[in-house]
Amino acid sequence: MIDPAPIHASSTIRRFGAAKSGTRDAWRMRLTNVALLPLAVAFAWIVLSLAGKDEAGVRAEFAHPCTAIFMLLFILASIVHMKLGMQSIIDDYVHAARLKEYTLMANVMFSIGFGVAAIYAVLKLSLT
């Protein structure tokens, strides 16, 4: 009786399955999810502290490095999380190859555009 070569789970995990990216994306999604928990609390705290302030007060608040850093980290983590979530939805529910390709490109372009705009807004507030 010939014994076929055993398949080890660790070798399958290292290669990320058939698509070569699913496990990596799942771990990134979990990582951004965990990162967003404290960052969302900080974001809510910052936004609530800005309520009722005029433009000068908002600029003064954003001039503090911690405020700007927390806002930038929240933006980066949420953009990556959003991009990965939409990519997963597109992969699961868009079946036409060309449409899937275009929607994945649009997802990346939207994520980059929105991220750059949000980061620019925070930097403009914090550096002026």
C-alpha atoms as a PDB file:
ATOM      1  CA  MET A   1       0.000   0.000   0.000  1.00  0.00           C
ATOM      2  CA  ILE A   2       1.434   3.355  -1.063  1.00  0.00           C
ATOM      3  CA  ASP A   3       1.072   6.166   1.428  1.00  0.00           C
ATOM      4  CA  PRO A   4       0.509   9.513  -0.302  1.00  0.00           C
ATOM      5  CA  ALA A   5       2.555  12.443   0.927  1.00  0.00           C
ATOM      6  CA  PRO A   6       0.830  13.938   3.922  1.00  0.00           C
ATOM      7  CA  ILE A   7      -0.615  17.400   3.564  1.00  0.00           C
ATOM      8  CA  HIS A   8       0.250  19.576   6.521  1.00  0.00           C
ATOM      9  CA  ALA A   9      -2.067  22.364   7.566  1.00  0.00           C
ATOM     10  CA  SER A  10       0.862  24.677   8.258  1.00  0.00           C
ATOM     11  CA  SER A  11       2.067  24.488   4.645  1.00  0.00           C
ATOM     12  CA  THR A  12      -1.435  25.316   3.402  1.00  0.00           C
ATOM     13  CA  ILE A  13      -1.685  28.273   5.771  1.00  0.00           C
ATOM     14  CA  ARG A  14       1.719  29.634   4.763  1.00  0.00           C
ATOM     15  CA  ARG A  15       0.640  29.717   1.112  1.00  0.00           C
ATOM     16  CA  PHE A  16      -2.649  31.492   1.943  1.00  0.00           C
ATOM     17  CA  GLY A  17      -4.868  28.924   0.232  1.00  0.00           C
ATOM     18  CA  ALA A  18      -5.799  28.751  -3.429  1.00  0.00           C
ATOM     19  CA  ALA A  19      -6.171  32.499  -3.965  1.00  0.00           C
ATOM     20  CA  LYS A  20      -2.842  33.226  -2.209  1.00  0.00           C
ATOM     21  CA  SER A  21      -4.339  36.255  -0.432  1.00  0.00           C
ATOM     22  CA  GLY A  22      -7.466  35.309   1.517  1.00  0.00           C
ATOM     23  CA  THR A  23      -5.783  34.557   4.825  1.00  0.00           C
ATOM     24  CA  ARG A  24      -3.606  37.661   4.601  1.00  0.00           C
ATOM     25  CA  ASP A  25      -6.668  39.832   3.959  1.00  0.00           C
ATOM     26  CA  ALA A  26      -8.575  38.187   6.808  1.00  0.00           C
ATOM     27  CA  TRP A  27      -5.717  38.902   9.213  1.00  0.00           C
ATOM     28  CA  ARG A  28      -5.466  42.509   8.019  1.00  0.00           C
ATOM     29  CA  MET A  29      -9.203  42.881   8.511  1.00  0.00           C
ATOM     30  CA  ARG A  30      -8.917  41.559  12.071  1.00  0.00           C
ATOM     31  CA  LEU A  31      -5.903  43.767  12.758  1.00  0.00           C
ATOM     32  CA  THR A  32      -7.670  46.917  11.580  1.00  0.00           C
ATOM     33  CA  ASN A  33     -10.773  45.875  13.513  1.00  0.00           C
ATOM     34  CA  VAL A  34      -8.791  45.613  16.746  1.00  0.00           C
ATOM     35  CA  ALA A  35      -6.936  48.863  16.004  1.00  0.00           C
ATOM     36  CA  LEU A  36     -10.201  50.687  15.326  1.00  0.00           C
ATOM     37  CA  LEU A  37     -11.634  49.870  18.760  1.00  0.00           C
ATOM     38  CA  PRO A  38      -9.474  52.331  20.753  1.00  0.00           C
ATOM     39  CA  LEU A  39      -9.105  54.680  17.795  1.00  0.00           C
ATOM     40  CA  ALA A  40     -12.892  55.000  17.453  1.00  0.00           C
ATOM     41  CA  VAL A  41     -13.147  55.888  21.141  1.00  0.00           C
ATOM     42  CA  ALA A  42     -10.424  58.521  20.669  1.00  0.00           C
ATOM     43  CA  PHE A  43     -12.177  59.810  17.532  1.00  0.00           C
ATOM     44  CA  ALA A  44     -15.501  60.136  19.373  1.00  0.00           C
ATOM     45  CA  TRP A  45     -13.765  61.875  22.292  1.00  0.00           C
ATOM     46  CA  ILE A  46     -12.090  64.359  19.943  1.00  0.00           C
ATOM     47  CA  VAL A  47     -15.271  65.076  17.974  1.00  0.00           C
ATOM     48  CA  LEU A  48     -17.300  65.570  21.156  1.00  0.00           C
ATOM     49  CA  SER A  49     -14.637  67.901  22.559  1.00  0.00           C
ATOM     50  CA  LEU A  50     -14.883  70.000  19.378  1.00  0.00           C
ATOM     51  CA  ALA A  51     -18.638  70.502  19.704  1.00  0.00           C
ATOM     52  CA  GLY A  52     -19.441  74.180  20.117  1.00  0.00           C
ATOM     53  CA  LYS A  53     -15.942  75.424  19.296  1.00  0.00           C
ATOM     54  CA  ASP A  54     -15.306  77.979  16.600  1.00  0.00           C
ATOM     55  CA  GLU A  55     -12.733  77.556  13.825  1.00  0.00           C
ATOM     56  CA  ALA A  56      -9.902  78.954  15.939  1.00  0.00           C
ATOM     57  CA  GLY A  57     -10.729  76.504  18.728  1.00  0.00           C
ATOM     58  CA  VAL A  58     -10.763  73.573  16.314  1.00  0.00           C
ATOM     59  CA  ARG A  59      -7.423  74.625  14.848  1.00  0.00           C
ATOM     60  CA  ALA A  60      -5.980  74.977  18.359  1.00  0.00           C
ATOM     61  CA  GLU A  61      -7.195  71.479  19.243  1.00  0.00           C
ATOM     62  CA  PHE A  62      -5.712  69.995  16.066  1.00  0.00           C
ATOM     63  CA  ALA A  63      -2.432  71.811  16.680  1.00  0.00           C
ATOM     64  CA  HIS A  64      -1.849  69.391  19.556  1.00  0.00           C
ATOM     65  CA  PRO A  65       0.190  66.470  18.149  1.00  0.00           C
ATOM     66  CA  CYS A  66      -1.809  63.755  19.940  1.00  0.00           C
ATOM     67  CA  THR A  67      -5.068  64.928  18.405  1.00  0.00           C
ATOM     68  CA  ALA A  68      -3.632  64.987  14.885  1.00  0.00           C
ATOM     69  CA  ILE A  69      -1.890  61.621  15.311  1.00  0.00           C
ATOM     70  CA  PHE A  70      -5.011  59.892  16.642  1.00  0.00           C
ATOM     71  CA  MET A  71      -7.093  61.336  13.822  1.00  0.00           C
ATOM     72  CA  LEU A  72      -4.555  60.251  11.188  1.00  0.00           C
ATOM     73  CA  LEU A  73      -4.315  56.743  12.660  1.00  0.00           C
ATOM     74  CA  PHE A  74      -8.114  56.495  12.728  1.00  0.00           C
ATOM     75  CA  ILE A  75      -8.314  57.585   9.089  1.00  0.00           C
ATOM     76  CA  LEU A  76      -5.624  55.148   7.946  1.00  0.00           C
ATOM     77  CA  ALA A  77      -7.071  52.178   9.837  1.00  0.00           C
ATOM     78  CA  SER A  78     -10.628  52.898   8.720  1.00  0.00           C
ATOM     79  CA  ILE A  79      -9.634  53.369   5.065  1.00  0.00           C
ATOM     80  CA  VAL A  80      -7.724  50.065   5.016  1.00  0.00           C
ATOM     81  CA  HIS A  81     -10.622  48.335   6.806  1.00  0.00           C
ATOM     82  CA  MET A  82     -13.145  49.817   4.364  1.00  0.00           C
ATOM     83  CA  LYS A  83     -11.067  48.813   1.330  1.00  0.00           C
ATOM     84  CA  LEU A  84     -10.650  45.235   2.558  1.00  0.00           C
ATOM     85  CA  GLY A  85     -14.341  44.918   3.436  1.00  0.00           C
ATOM     86  CA  MET A  86     -15.483  46.167   0.036  1.00  0.00           C
ATOM     87  CA  GLN A  87     -12.925  43.936  -1.685  1.00  0.00           C
ATOM     88  CA  SER A  88     -14.349  40.937   0.148  1.00  0.00           C
ATOM     89  CA  ILE A  89     -17.897  41.877  -0.853  1.00  0.00           C
ATOM     90  CA  ILE A  90     -16.866  42.390  -4.484  1.00  0.00           C
ATOM     91  CA  ASP A  91     -15.001  39.064  -4.545  1.00  0.00           C
ATOM     92  CA  ASP A  92     -18.005  37.240  -3.109  1.00  0.00           C
ATOM     93  CA  TYR A  93     -20.855  38.819  -5.062  1.00  0.00           C
ATOM     94  CA  VAL A  94     -19.536  40.125  -8.392  1.00  0.00           C
ATOM     95  CA  HIS A  95     -19.126  37.180 -10.735  1.00  0.00           C
ATOM     96  CA  ALA A  96     -18.490  38.747 -14.143  1.00  0.00           C
ATOM     97  CA  ALA A  97     -14.711  38.907 -14.592  1.00  0.00           C
ATOM     98  CA  ARG A  98     -14.528  42.307 -16.295  1.00  0.00           C
ATOM     99  CA  LEU A  99     -17.023  43.919 -13.909  1.00  0.00           C
ATOM    100  CA  LYS A 100     -15.135  42.472 -10.937  1.00  0.00           C
ATOM    101  CA  GLU A 101     -11.874  43.905 -12.276  1.00  0.00           C
ATOM    102  CA  TYR A 102     -13.406  47.374 -12.732  1.00  0.00           C
ATOM    103  CA  THR A 103     -15.129  47.401  -9.346  1.00  0.00           C
ATOM    104  CA  LEU A 104     -11.923  46.311  -7.594  1.00  0.00           C
ATOM    105  CA  MET A 105     -10.037  49.129  -9.347  1.00  0.00           C
ATOM    106  CA  ALA A 106     -12.770  51.597  -8.383  1.00  0.00           C
ATOM    107  CA  ASN A 107     -12.570  50.377  -4.783  1.00  0.00           C
ATOM    108  CA  VAL A 108      -8.823  51.038  -4.660  1.00  0.00           C
ATOM    109  CA  MET A 109      -9.140  54.446  -6.340  1.00  0.00           C
ATOM    110  CA  PHE A 110     -11.994  55.512  -4.040  1.00  0.00           C
ATOM    111  CA  SER A 111     -10.074  54.376  -0.960  1.00  0.00           C
ATOM    112  CA  ILE A 112      -6.952  56.242  -2.003  1.00  0.00           C
ATOM    113  CA  GLY A 113      -8.887  59.373  -2.973  1.00  0.00           C
ATOM    114  CA  PHE A 114     -10.943  59.475   0.201  1.00  0.00           C
ATOM    115  CA  GLY A 115      -7.891  58.720   2.338  1.00  0.00           C
ATOM    116  CA  VAL A 116      -5.794  61.455   0.732  1.00  0.00           C
ATOM    117  CA  ALA A 117      -8.610  63.999   1.125  1.00  0.00           C
ATOM    118  CA  ALA A 118      -9.153  63.127   4.794  1.00  0.00           C
ATOM    119  CA  ILE A 119      -5.428  63.153   5.585  1.00  0.00           C
ATOM    120  CA  TYR A 120      -5.055  66.495   3.789  1.00  0.00           C
ATOM    121  CA  ALA A 121      -7.888  67.962   5.880  1.00  0.00           C
ATOM    122  CA  VAL A 122      -6.291  66.844   9.155  1.00  0.00           C
ATOM    123  CA  LEU A 123      -2.850  68.091   8.107  1.00  0.00           C
ATOM    124  CA  LYS A 124      -4.280  71.416   6.951  1.00  0.00           C
ATOM    125  CA  LEU A 125      -6.025  71.892  10.293  1.00  0.00           C
ATOM    126  CA  SER A 126      -3.041  70.820  12.344  1.00  0.00           C
ATOM    127  CA  LEU A 127      -0.276  72.666  10.497  1.00  0.00           C
ATOM    128  CA  THR A 128      -1.904  76.089  10.021  1.00  0.00           C
END
